PDB file of N, CA and C in Angstrom:
ATOM      1  N   MET A   1      16.806   4.261   9.616  1.00  0.00           N
ATOM      2  CA  MET A   1      15.758   3.752   8.709  1.00  0.00           C
ATOM      3  C   MET A   1      15.575   1.944   8.926  1.00  0.00           C
ATOM      4  N   GLY A   2      14.222   1.421   9.487  1.00  0.00           N
ATOM      5  CA  GLY A   2      14.457   0.207   9.415  1.00  0.00           C
ATOM      6  C   GLY A   2      13.568  -0.375   8.043  1.00  0.00           C
ATOM      7  N   LEU A   3      14.190  -1.846   8.289  1.00  0.00           N
ATOM      8  CA  LEU A   3      12.967  -2.122   7.129  1.00  0.00           C
ATOM      9  C   LEU A   3      11.895  -2.614   6.866  1.00  0.00           C
ATOM     10  N   LEU A   4      11.222  -2.387   5.434  1.00  0.00           N
ATOM     11  CA  LEU A   4       9.950  -1.988   5.134  1.00  0.00           C
ATOM     12  C   LEU A   4       9.590  -3.034   4.969  1.00  0.00           C
ATOM     13  N   GLU A   5       8.071  -3.758   5.372  1.00  0.00           N
ATOM     14  CA  GLU A   5       7.619  -4.874   5.003  1.00  0.00           C
ATOM     15  C   GLU A   5       6.771  -4.652   3.599  1.00  0.00           C
ATOM     16  N   PHE A   6       7.123  -4.905   2.375  1.00  0.00           N
ATOM     17  CA  PHE A   6       6.359  -4.095   1.279  1.00  0.00           C
ATOM     18  C   PHE A   6       4.727  -4.716   1.161  1.00  0.00           C
ATOM     19  N   ASN A   7       5.024  -5.717   1.666  1.00  0.00           N
ATOM     20  CA  ASN A   7       3.378  -6.460   1.705  1.00  0.00           C
ATOM     21  C   ASN A   7       2.043  -5.635   2.518  1.00  0.00           C
ATOM     22  N   LYS A   8       2.811  -5.183   4.027  1.00  0.00           N
ATOM     23  CA  LYS A   8       1.903  -4.047   4.594  1.00  0.00           C
ATOM     24  C   LYS A   8       1.637  -2.431   4.419  1.00  0.00           C
ATOM     25  N   LEU A   9       2.763  -2.185   3.075  1.00  0.00           N
ATOM     26  CA  LEU A   9       2.740  -0.546   2.860  1.00  0.00           C
ATOM     27  C   LEU A   9       1.237  -0.542   2.144  1.00  0.00           C
ATOM     28  N   PRO A  10       0.681   0.755   2.493  1.00  0.00           N
ATOM     29  CA  PRO A  10      -0.293   0.940   1.380  1.00  0.00           C
ATOM     30  C   PRO A  10      -0.423   1.424   0.349  1.00  0.00           C
ATOM     31  N   ILE A  11       0.142   1.085  -0.621  1.00  0.00           N
ATOM     32  CA  ILE A  11       0.529   1.125  -1.632  1.00  0.00           C
ATOM     33  C   ILE A  11       1.700   0.380  -2.491  1.00  0.00           C
ATOM     34  N   ASN A  12       1.241   0.171  -3.915  1.00  0.00           N
ATOM     35  CA  ASN A  12       1.908  -0.674  -4.658  1.00  0.00           C
ATOM     36  C   ASN A  12       3.005  -0.264  -5.165  1.00  0.00           C
ATOM     37  N   THR A  13       4.260  -0.701  -5.418  1.00  0.00           N
ATOM     38  CA  THR A  13       5.398  -0.661  -5.926  1.00  0.00           C
ATOM     39  C   THR A  13       5.103   0.215  -7.294  1.00  0.00           C
ATOM     40  N   LEU A  14       4.010   0.068  -8.387  1.00  0.00           N
ATOM     41  CA  LEU A  14       4.284   0.576  -9.229  1.00  0.00           C
ATOM     42  C   LEU A  14       3.718   2.138  -9.612  1.00  0.00           C
ATOM     43  N   VAL A  15       3.175   2.404  -8.296  1.00  0.00           N
ATOM     44  CA  VAL A  15       3.161   3.852  -7.879  1.00  0.00           C
ATOM     45  C   VAL A  15       4.002   4.716  -8.554  1.00  0.00           C
ATOM     46  N   GLY A  16       5.613   4.177  -9.241  1.00  0.00           N
ATOM     47  CA  GLY A  16       6.424   4.706  -9.866  1.00  0.00           C
ATOM     48  C   GLY A  16       6.207   4.753 -11.224  1.00  0.00           C
ATOM     49  N   ALA A  17       5.508   4.039 -11.735  1.00  0.00           N
ATOM     50  CA  ALA A  17       5.295   3.787 -13.189  1.00  0.00           C
ATOM     51  C   ALA A  17       4.650   5.119 -13.496  1.00  0.00           C
ATOM     52  N   ASP A  18       4.761   5.558 -15.427  1.00  0.00           N
ATOM     53  CA  ASP A  18       3.825   6.478 -15.816  1.00  0.00           C
ATOM     54  C   ASP A  18       2.794   6.003 -15.999  1.00  0.00           C
ATOM     55  N   TRP A  19       1.592   7.119 -16.617  1.00  0.00           N
ATOM     56  CA  TRP A  19       0.169   5.955 -16.109  1.00  0.00           C
ATOM     57  C   TRP A  19      -0.147   5.457 -17.190  1.00  0.00           C
ATOM     58  N   LYS A  20       1.010   5.306 -18.587  1.00  0.00           N
ATOM     59  CA  LYS A  20       0.124   4.661 -19.734  1.00  0.00           C
ATOM     60  C   LYS A  20       0.911   3.261 -19.423  1.00  0.00           C
ATOM     61  N   THR A  21       2.175   3.074 -18.807  1.00  0.00           N
ATOM     62  CA  THR A  21       2.396   1.497 -18.221  1.00  0.00           C
ATOM     63  C   THR A  21       1.494   1.297 -16.833  1.00  0.00           C
ATOM     64  N   PHE A  22       1.195   1.816 -15.846  1.00  0.00           N
ATOM     65  CA  PHE A  22       0.290   1.374 -14.891  1.00  0.00           C
ATOM     66  C   PHE A  22      -1.130   0.809 -15.748  1.00  0.00           C
ATOM     67  N   LYS A  23      -1.505   1.589 -17.110  1.00  0.00           N
ATOM     68  CA  LYS A  23      -2.883   0.925 -17.401  1.00  0.00           C
ATOM     69  C   LYS A  23      -2.574  -0.335 -17.874  1.00  0.00           C
ATOM     70  N   ALA A  24      -0.763  -0.167 -18.466  1.00  0.00           N
ATOM     71  CA  ALA A  24      -0.859  -1.601 -19.519  1.00  0.00           C
ATOM     72  C   ALA A  24      -0.742  -2.570 -18.824  1.00  0.00           C
ATOM     73  N   ILE A  25       0.079  -2.227 -17.520  1.00  0.00           N
ATOM     74  CA  ILE A  25       0.162  -3.499 -16.861  1.00  0.00           C
ATOM     75  C   ILE A  25      -1.239  -4.301 -16.094  1.00  0.00           C
ATOM     76  N   THR A  26      -2.559  -3.159 -15.613  1.00  0.00           N
ATOM     77  CA  THR A  26      -3.323  -3.274 -14.943  1.00  0.00           C
ATOM     78  C   THR A  26      -4.483  -3.982 -15.807  1.00  0.00           C
ATOM     79  N   ALA A  27      -4.485  -3.809 -16.634  1.00  0.00           N
ATOM     80  CA  ALA A  27      -5.867  -3.899 -17.690  1.00  0.00           C
ATOM     81  C   ALA A  27      -6.184  -4.839 -17.751  1.00  0.00           C
ATOM     82  N   GLY A  28      -7.624  -4.965 -18.042  1.00  0.00           N
ATOM     83  CA  GLY A  28      -8.009  -6.361 -18.105  1.00  0.00           C
ATOM     84  C   GLY A  28      -7.679  -7.266 -16.515  1.00  0.00           C
ATOM     85  N   ARG A  29      -6.999  -6.849 -15.396  1.00  0.00           N
ATOM     86  CA  ARG A  29      -6.857  -7.927 -14.163  1.00  0.00           C
ATOM     87  C   ARG A  29      -7.683  -7.992 -13.387  1.00  0.00           C
ATOM     88  N   GLU A  30      -8.362  -8.622 -12.549  1.00  0.00           N
ATOM     89  CA  GLU A  30      -8.963  -8.800 -11.513  1.00  0.00           C
ATOM     90  C   GLU A  30      -8.754  -8.182  -9.952  1.00  0.00           C
ATOM     91  N   ILE A  31      -8.910  -7.778  -9.680  1.00  0.00           N
ATOM     92  CA  ILE A  31      -8.000  -7.572  -8.308  1.00  0.00           C
ATOM     93  C   ILE A  31      -9.088  -8.121  -7.308  1.00  0.00           C
ATOM     94  N   ASP A  32      -7.917  -8.824  -6.512  1.00  0.00           N
ATOM     95  CA  ASP A  32      -8.722  -9.748  -5.296  1.00  0.00           C
ATOM     96  C   ASP A  32      -9.269  -8.437  -4.522  1.00  0.00           C
ATOM     97  N   PRO A  33     -10.796  -9.007  -3.828  1.00  0.00           N
ATOM     98  CA  PRO A  33     -10.772  -8.160  -2.744  1.00  0.00           C
ATOM     99  C   PRO A  33      -9.702  -7.660  -1.509  1.00  0.00           C
ATOM    100  N   ALA A  34      -9.198  -8.182  -1.176  1.00  0.00           N
ATOM    101  CA  ALA A  34      -8.063  -7.416   0.180  1.00  0.00           C
ATOM    102  C   ALA A  34      -7.204  -6.618  -0.415  1.00  0.00           C
ATOM    103  N   TYR A  35      -7.244  -6.659  -1.975  1.00  0.00           N
ATOM    104  CA  TYR A  35      -5.953  -5.557  -2.503  1.00  0.00           C
ATOM    105  C   TYR A  35      -6.826  -4.229  -3.209  1.00  0.00           C
ATOM    106  N   ARG A  36      -7.812  -4.098  -3.274  1.00  0.00           N
ATOM    107  CA  ARG A  36      -8.459  -3.628  -3.776  1.00  0.00           C
ATOM    108  C   ARG A  36      -8.255  -2.035  -3.594  1.00  0.00           C
ATOM    109  N   GLY A  37      -8.249  -1.916  -2.138  1.00  0.00           N
ATOM    110  CA  GLY A  37      -7.768  -0.514  -1.687  1.00  0.00           C
ATOM    111  C   GLY A  37      -6.445  -0.019  -1.647  1.00  0.00           C
ATOM    112  N   LYS A  38      -5.613  -0.756  -1.707  1.00  0.00           N
ATOM    113  CA  LYS A  38      -4.077  -0.522  -2.683  1.00  0.00           C
ATOM    114  C   LYS A  38      -3.951  -0.331  -3.494  1.00  0.00           C
ATOM    115  N   TYR A  39      -4.610  -1.060  -4.080  1.00  0.00           N
ATOM    116  CA  TYR A  39      -4.768  -0.900  -5.843  1.00  0.00           C
ATOM    117  C   TYR A  39      -5.643   0.349  -6.336  1.00  0.00           C
ATOM    118  N   ARG A  40      -6.329   0.926  -5.549  1.00  0.00           N
ATOM    119  CA  ARG A  40      -7.064   2.229  -6.001  1.00  0.00           C
ATOM    120  C   ARG A  40      -6.019   3.472  -4.991  1.00  0.00           C
ATOM    121  N   LEU A  41      -5.535   3.485  -4.257  1.00  0.00           N
ATOM    122  CA  LEU A  41      -4.464   4.732  -3.945  1.00  0.00           C
ATOM    123  C   LEU A  41      -3.252   4.711  -4.535  1.00  0.00           C
ATOM    124  N   THR A  42      -3.037   3.445  -4.942  1.00  0.00           N
ATOM    125  CA  THR A  42      -1.699   3.645  -6.136  1.00  0.00           C
ATOM    126  C   THR A  42      -2.403   3.871  -7.533  1.00  0.00           C
ATOM    127  N   LYS A  43      -3.048   3.793  -7.671  1.00  0.00           N
ATOM    128  CA  LYS A  43      -3.769   4.100  -9.044  1.00  0.00           C
ATOM    129  C   LYS A  43      -4.008   5.662  -8.874  1.00  0.00           C
ATOM    130  N   ALA A  44      -4.789   5.880  -8.189  1.00  0.00           N
ATOM    131  CA  ALA A  44      -4.828   7.681  -7.471  1.00  0.00           C
ATOM    132  C   ALA A  44      -3.287   8.261  -7.881  1.00  0.00           C
ATOM    133  N   VAL A  45      -2.580   7.891  -7.003  1.00  0.00           N
ATOM    134  CA  VAL A  45      -1.418   8.739  -6.679  1.00  0.00           C
ATOM    135  C   VAL A  45      -0.451   8.441  -7.703  1.00  0.00           C
ATOM    136  N   CYS A  46      -0.220   7.144  -8.638  1.00  0.00           N
ATOM    137  CA  CYS A  46       0.010   7.369 -10.178  1.00  0.00           C
ATOM    138  C   CYS A  46      -0.017   8.175 -11.280  1.00  0.00           C
ATOM    139  N   ARG A  47      -1.883   8.372 -11.193  1.00  0.00           N
ATOM    140  CA  ARG A  47      -2.286   9.489 -11.628  1.00  0.00           C
ATOM    141  C   ARG A  47      -1.814  10.448 -11.720  1.00  0.00           C
ATOM    142  N   LEU A  48      -1.927  11.037 -10.343  1.00  0.00           N
ATOM    143  CA  LEU A  48      -1.207  12.159  -9.883  1.00  0.00           C
ATOM    144  C   LEU A  48      -0.216  12.778 -10.507  1.00  0.00           C
ATOM    145  N   LEU A  49       0.967  11.666  -9.981  1.00  0.00           N
ATOM    146  CA  LEU A  49       2.124  11.985 -10.481  1.00  0.00           C
ATOM    147  C   LEU A  49       2.219  12.183 -12.013  1.00  0.00           C
ATOM    148  N   SER A  50       1.429  11.368 -12.788  1.00  0.00           N
ATOM    149  CA  SER A  50       2.073  11.402 -14.211  1.00  0.00           C
ATOM    150  C   SER A  50       1.479  13.011 -14.970  1.00  0.00           C
ATOM    151  N   THR A  51       0.478  13.098 -13.602  1.00  0.00           N
ATOM    152  CA  THR A  51       0.034  14.497 -14.738  1.00  0.00           C
ATOM    153  C   THR A  51       0.747  15.306 -14.418  1.00  0.00           C
ATOM    154  N   LEU A  52       1.020  15.747 -13.304  1.00  0.00           N
ATOM    155  CA  LEU A  52       2.156  16.543 -12.875  1.00  0.00           C
ATOM    156  C   LEU A  52       3.814  16.494 -13.300  1.00  0.00           C
ATOM    157  N   ALA A  53       3.948  15.224 -13.868  1.00  0.00           N
ATOM    158  CA  ALA A  53       5.629  15.016 -14.489  1.00  0.00           C
ATOM    159  C   ALA A  53       5.809  15.864 -15.320  1.00  0.00           C
ATOM    160  N   PRO A  54       5.069  16.146 -16.322  1.00  0.00           N
ATOM    161  CA  PRO A  54       5.412  17.280 -17.233  1.00  0.00           C
ATOM    162  C   PRO A  54       5.667  18.660 -17.190  1.00  0.00           C
ATOM    163  N   LEU A  55       5.107  18.872 -16.015  1.00  0.00           N
ATOM    164  CA  LEU A  55       5.208  20.327 -15.058  1.00  0.00           C
ATOM    165  C   LEU A  55       6.838  20.666 -14.570  1.00  0.00           C
ATOM    166  N   GLN A  56       6.790  19.278 -14.053  1.00  0.00           N
ATOM    167  CA  GLN A  56       8.221  19.198 -13.474  1.00  0.00           C
ATOM    168  C   GLN A  56       9.217  19.174 -14.357  1.00  0.00           C
ATOM    169  N   GLU A  57       9.063  18.599 -15.501  1.00  0.00           N
ATOM    170  CA  GLU A  57       9.918  18.479 -16.392  1.00  0.00           C
ATOM    171  C   GLU A  57      10.329  19.821 -17.250  1.00  0.00           C
ATOM    172  N   ASN A  58       9.556  20.403 -17.252  1.00  0.00           N
ATOM    173  CA  ASN A  58       9.278  21.762 -18.098  1.00  0.00           C
ATOM    174  C   ASN A  58      10.105  22.656 -17.289  1.00  0.00           C
ATOM    175  N   ARG A  59       9.423  22.947 -15.942  1.00  0.00           N
ATOM    176  CA  ARG A  59      10.353  23.698 -15.053  1.00  0.00           C
ATOM    177  C   ARG A  59      11.384  23.436 -14.901  1.00  0.00           C
ATOM    178  N   TYR A  60      12.108  22.173 -14.669  1.00  0.00           N
ATOM    179  CA  TYR A  60      13.914  21.727 -14.457  1.00  0.00           C
ATOM    180  C   TYR A  60      14.537  21.942 -16.004  1.00  0.00           C
ATOM    181  N   ARG A  61      13.914  21.474 -16.638  1.00  0.00           N
ATOM    182  CA  ARG A  61      14.355  21.909 -18.222  1.00  0.00           C
ATOM    183  C   ARG A  61      15.466  23.227 -18.410  1.00  0.00           C
ATOM    184  N   LYS A  62      14.264  24.013 -18.059  1.00  0.00           N
ATOM    185  CA  LYS A  62      14.503  25.362 -18.500  1.00  0.00           C
ATOM    186  C   LYS A  62      15.747  25.793 -17.241  1.00  0.00           C
ATOM    187  N   LEU A  63      15.319  25.907 -15.889  1.00  0.00           N
ATOM    188  CA  LEU A  63      16.625  26.195 -14.751  1.00  0.00           C
ATOM    189  C   LEU A  63      17.813  25.552 -15.436  1.00  0.00           C
ATOM    190  N   LEU A  64      17.923  24.098 -15.914  1.00  0.00           N
ATOM    191  CA  LEU A  64      19.014  23.352 -16.205  1.00  0.00           C
ATOM    192  C   LEU A  64      19.595  23.238 -17.372  1.00  0.00           C
ATOM    193  N   ALA A  65      19.150  24.167 -17.869  1.00  0.00           N
ATOM    194  CA  ALA A  65      19.346  24.321 -19.569  1.00  0.00           C
ATOM    195  C   ALA A  65      20.761  24.918 -19.862  1.00  0.00           C
ATOM    196  N   ASP A  66      21.275  25.867 -19.216  1.00  0.00           N
ATOM    197  CA  ASP A  66      22.318  26.789 -19.719  1.00  0.00           C
ATOM    198  C   ASP A  66      23.477  25.863 -18.548  1.00  0.00           C
ATOM    199  N   LYS A  67      23.379  24.940 -17.724  1.00  0.00           N
ATOM    200  CA  LYS A  67      23.890  24.495 -16.954  1.00  0.00           C
ATOM    201  C   LYS A  67      24.930  23.244 -17.309  1.00  0.00           C
ATOM    202  N   PRO A  68      26.456  23.540 -17.059  1.00  0.00           N
ATOM    203  CA  PRO A  68      27.027  22.816 -17.683  1.00  0.00           C
ATOM    204  C   PRO A  68      27.271  21.633 -16.520  1.00  0.00           C
ATOM    205  N   LEU A  69      27.469  20.391 -17.415  1.00  0.00           N
ATOM    206  CA  LEU A  69      27.586  19.224 -15.849  1.00  0.00           C
ATOM    207  C   LEU A  69      29.011  19.275 -15.184  1.00  0.00           C
ATOM    208  N   GLU A  70      29.450  18.957 -14.060  1.00  0.00           N
ATOM    209  CA  GLU A  70      30.460  19.330 -13.281  1.00  0.00           C
ATOM    210  C   GLU A  70      31.178  18.274 -13.070  1.00  0.00           C
ATOM    211  N   HIS A  71      30.471  17.054 -13.208  1.00  0.00           N
ATOM    212  CA  HIS A  71      30.717  15.694 -12.695  1.00  0.00           C
ATOM    213  C   HIS A  71      30.154  14.821 -13.966  1.00  0.00           C
ATOM    214  N   ASP A  72      30.569  13.732 -14.507  1.00  0.00           N
ATOM    215  CA  ASP A  72      30.268  12.599 -14.893  1.00  0.00           C
ATOM    216  C   ASP A  72      29.302  12.034 -14.682  1.00  0.00           C
ATOM    217  N   PRO A  73      27.880  11.622 -15.408  1.00  0.00           N
ATOM    218  CA  PRO A  73      26.652  11.442 -14.605  1.00  0.00           C
ATOM    219  C   PRO A  73      26.999   9.402 -14.305  1.00  0.00           C
ATOM    220  N   VAL A  74      26.527   9.269 -13.197  1.00  0.00           N
ATOM    221  CA  VAL A  74      26.628   7.779 -13.040  1.00  0.00           C
ATOM    222  C   VAL A  74      25.098   7.183 -13.281  1.00  0.00           C
ATOM    223  N   PHE A  75      24.809   5.937 -13.445  1.00  0.00           N
ATOM    224  CA  PHE A  75      24.093   5.652 -14.682  1.00  0.00           C
ATOM    225  C   PHE A  75      23.563   4.003 -14.052  1.00  0.00           C
ATOM    226  N   ILE A  76      22.551   3.986 -12.770  1.00  0.00           N
ATOM    227  CA  ILE A  76      22.133   2.210 -12.060  1.00  0.00           C
ATOM    228  C   ILE A  76      21.683   1.602 -12.951  1.00  0.00           C
ATOM    229  N   LEU A  77      22.267   0.298 -13.574  1.00  0.00           N
ATOM    230  CA  LEU A  77      21.492  -0.547 -14.285  1.00  0.00           C
ATOM    231  C   LEU A  77      21.395  -1.552 -14.076  1.00  0.00           C
ATOM    232  N   GLY A  78      20.260  -2.484 -13.878  1.00  0.00           N
ATOM    233  CA  GLY A  78      20.062  -3.683 -13.315  1.00  0.00           C
ATOM    234  C   GLY A  78      18.852  -4.311 -13.845  1.00  0.00           C
ATOM    235  N   HIS A  79      18.858  -5.393 -13.477  1.00  0.00           N
ATOM    236  CA  HIS A  79      17.711  -6.132 -13.433  1.00  0.00           C
ATOM    237  C   HIS A  79      16.408  -5.981 -12.506  1.00  0.00           C
ATOM    238  N   TRP A  80      15.743  -6.316 -13.023  1.00  0.00           N
ATOM    239  CA  TRP A  80      14.335  -6.114 -11.563  1.00  0.00           C
ATOM    240  C   TRP A  80      14.655  -6.987 -10.497  1.00  0.00           C
ATOM    241  N   ARG A  81      14.423  -6.162  -9.327  1.00  0.00           N
ATOM    242  CA  ARG A  81      14.496  -6.730  -8.277  1.00  0.00           C
ATOM    243  C   ARG A  81      16.305  -7.057  -8.234  1.00  0.00           C
ATOM    244  N   SER A  82      16.917  -6.151  -8.298  1.00  0.00           N
ATOM    245  CA  SER A  82      18.377  -6.419  -8.235  1.00  0.00           C
ATOM    246  C   SER A  82      19.018  -5.363  -7.013  1.00  0.00           C
ATOM    247  N   GLY A  83      18.143  -4.382  -6.625  1.00  0.00           N
ATOM    248  CA  GLY A  83      18.849  -3.277  -5.933  1.00  0.00           C
ATOM    249  C   GLY A  83      19.167  -2.328  -6.369  1.00  0.00           C
ATOM    250  N   THR A  84      18.433  -1.989  -7.719  1.00  0.00           N
ATOM    251  CA  THR A  84      18.959  -0.456  -8.250  1.00  0.00           C
ATOM    252  C   THR A  84      18.295   0.855  -7.356  1.00  0.00           C
ATOM    253  N   THR A  85      16.727   0.401  -6.978  1.00  0.00           N
ATOM    254  CA  THR A  85      16.426   0.990  -6.522  1.00  0.00           C
ATOM    255  C   THR A  85      16.742   1.379  -4.583  1.00  0.00           C
ATOM    256  N   PHE A  86      17.452   0.590  -4.287  1.00  0.00           N
ATOM    257  CA  PHE A  86      18.266   0.677  -2.653  1.00  0.00           C
ATOM    258  C   PHE A  86      19.715   1.431  -3.519  1.00  0.00           C
ATOM    259  N   MET A  87      20.037   1.386  -4.620  1.00  0.00           N
ATOM    260  CA  MET A  87      21.053   1.899  -4.654  1.00  0.00           C
ATOM    261  C   MET A  87      20.845   3.277  -5.116  1.00  0.00           C
ATOM    262  N   HIS A  88      19.940   3.915  -5.544  1.00  0.00           N
ATOM    263  CA  HIS A  88      19.202   4.586  -5.816  1.00  0.00           C
ATOM    264  C   HIS A  88      18.689   5.508  -4.290  1.00  0.00           C
ATOM    265  N   ASN A  89      18.299   5.226  -3.426  1.00  0.00           N
ATOM    266  CA  ASN A  89      18.188   5.455  -2.366  1.00  0.00           C
ATOM    267  C   ASN A  89      19.525   6.014  -1.509  1.00  0.00           C
ATOM    268  N   VAL A  90      20.423   4.475  -1.914  1.00  0.00           N
ATOM    269  CA  VAL A  90      21.416   5.240  -1.257  1.00  0.00           C
ATOM    270  C   VAL A  90      22.721   6.727  -1.392  1.00  0.00           C
ATOM    271  N   PHE A  91      22.391   6.587  -3.049  1.00  0.00           N
ATOM    272  CA  PHE A  91      23.204   7.883  -3.776  1.00  0.00           C
ATOM    273  C   PHE A  91      22.248   8.879  -3.297  1.00  0.00           C
ATOM    274  N   SER A  92      20.893   9.058  -3.057  1.00  0.00           N
ATOM    275  CA  SER A  92      19.920  10.111  -2.845  1.00  0.00           C
ATOM    276  C   SER A  92      20.416  10.449  -1.388  1.00  0.00           C
ATOM    277  N   CYS A  93      20.847   9.822  -0.593  1.00  0.00           N
ATOM    278  CA  CYS A  93      21.474  10.689   0.969  1.00  0.00           C
ATOM    279  C   CYS A  93      22.750  11.369   0.921  1.00  0.00           C
ATOM    280  N   ASP A  94      23.325  11.743  -0.367  1.00  0.00           N
ATOM    281  CA  ASP A  94      24.900  11.848  -0.316  1.00  0.00           C
ATOM    282  C   ASP A  94      24.337  13.619  -1.215  1.00  0.00           C
ATOM    283  N   LYS A  95      24.662  14.066  -0.500  1.00  0.00           N
ATOM    284  CA  LYS A  95      24.727  15.534  -1.393  1.00  0.00           C
ATOM    285  C   LYS A  95      25.152  16.235  -2.143  1.00  0.00           C
ATOM    286  N   HIS A  96      25.866  15.181  -2.859  1.00  0.00           N
ATOM    287  CA  HIS A  96      26.593  15.164  -4.037  1.00  0.00           C
ATOM    288  C   HIS A  96      26.147  14.423  -5.056  1.00  0.00           C
ATOM    289  N   PHE A  97      25.361  14.238  -4.771  1.00  0.00           N
ATOM    290  CA  PHE A  97      24.141  13.232  -6.219  1.00  0.00           C
ATOM    291  C   PHE A  97      23.086  14.296  -5.971  1.00  0.00           C
ATOM    292  N   GLY A  98      22.595  14.378  -7.133  1.00  0.00           N
ATOM    293  CA  GLY A  98      20.850  15.267  -7.799  1.00  0.00           C
ATOM    294  C   GLY A  98      20.226  13.752  -7.813  1.00  0.00           C
ATOM    295  N   ILE A  99      19.429  14.178  -8.681  1.00  0.00           N
ATOM    296  CA  ILE A  99      18.309  13.305  -8.656  1.00  0.00           C
ATOM    297  C   ILE A  99      18.745  12.654  -9.702  1.00  0.00           C
ATOM    298  N   ILE A 100      17.560  11.214  -9.661  1.00  0.00           N
ATOM    299  CA  ILE A 100      18.303   9.638 -10.820  1.00  0.00           C
ATOM    300  C   ILE A 100      16.993  10.091 -11.519  1.00  0.00           C
ATOM    301  N   LEU A 101      16.831  10.432 -13.081  1.00  0.00           N
ATOM    302  CA  LEU A 101      15.876  10.233 -13.433  1.00  0.00           C
ATOM    303  C   LEU A 101      15.825   8.869 -13.946  1.00  0.00           C
ATOM    304  N   PRO A 102      14.534   8.006 -13.956  1.00  0.00           N
ATOM    305  CA  PRO A 102      14.657   6.316 -14.028  1.00  0.00           C
ATOM    306  C   PRO A 102      13.842   6.381 -15.823  1.00  0.00           C
ATOM    307  N   ILE A 103      14.742   5.639 -16.546  1.00  0.00           N
ATOM    308  CA  ILE A 103      14.224   5.040 -17.783  1.00  0.00           C
ATOM    309  C   ILE A 103      13.632   4.176 -17.568  1.00  0.00           C
ATOM    310  N   ARG A 104      12.512   4.159 -18.169  1.00  0.00           N
ATOM    311  CA  ARG A 104      11.203   3.230 -18.279  1.00  0.00           C
ATOM    312  C   ARG A 104      11.340   2.417 -19.748  1.00  0.00           C
ATOM    313  N   LEU A 105      10.797   1.400 -19.830  1.00  0.00           N
ATOM    314  CA  LEU A 105      11.168   0.173 -21.250  1.00  0.00           C
ATOM    315  C   LEU A 105      10.248   0.160 -21.163  1.00  0.00           C
ATOM    316  N   CYS A 106       9.007   1.083 -21.677  1.00  0.00           N
ATOM    317  CA  CYS A 106       7.484   0.826 -21.787  1.00  0.00           C
ATOM    318  C   CYS A 106       7.307   0.108 -22.856  1.00  0.00           C
ATOM    319  N   SER A 107       8.165  -0.082 -23.810  1.00  0.00           N
ATOM    320  CA  SER A 107       7.916  -1.441 -25.318  1.00  0.00           C
ATOM    321  C   SER A 107       8.182  -2.728 -24.572  1.00  0.00           C
ATOM    322  N   LEU A 108       8.689  -2.905 -23.555  1.00  0.00           N
ATOM    323  CA  LEU A 108       8.758  -4.392 -22.844  1.00  0.00           C
ATOM    324  C   LEU A 108       7.224  -4.858 -22.306  1.00  0.00           C
ATOM    325  N   ILE A 109       6.462  -4.206 -22.434  1.00  0.00           N
ATOM    326  CA  ILE A 109       5.384  -4.601 -21.476  1.00  0.00           C
ATOM    327  C   ILE A 109       4.039  -4.652 -22.086  1.00  0.00           C
TER     328      ILE A 109
END
């Protein structure tokens, strides 16, 4: 996989935010005409993923409720833009690691 140029992607990195966070960040902002398409696509995907998140959480909570942890969990902590997503992507390529759930600090926004 080559390096991505984020400014050329059709979607913004806010797509990973929950709907409440997305609305809080974008509320009252004027979107430059050159970025309106990217904004709309990001908004639509964010809304869709936020709608589906509770379904996914409920399903996997039930499936994993009686399963003990075999290994200690790994936490990736870091400042914004410090490489935590890169580390997540590296760990995701290893079959020994499962999903890593992000912890969002919405109170900071």
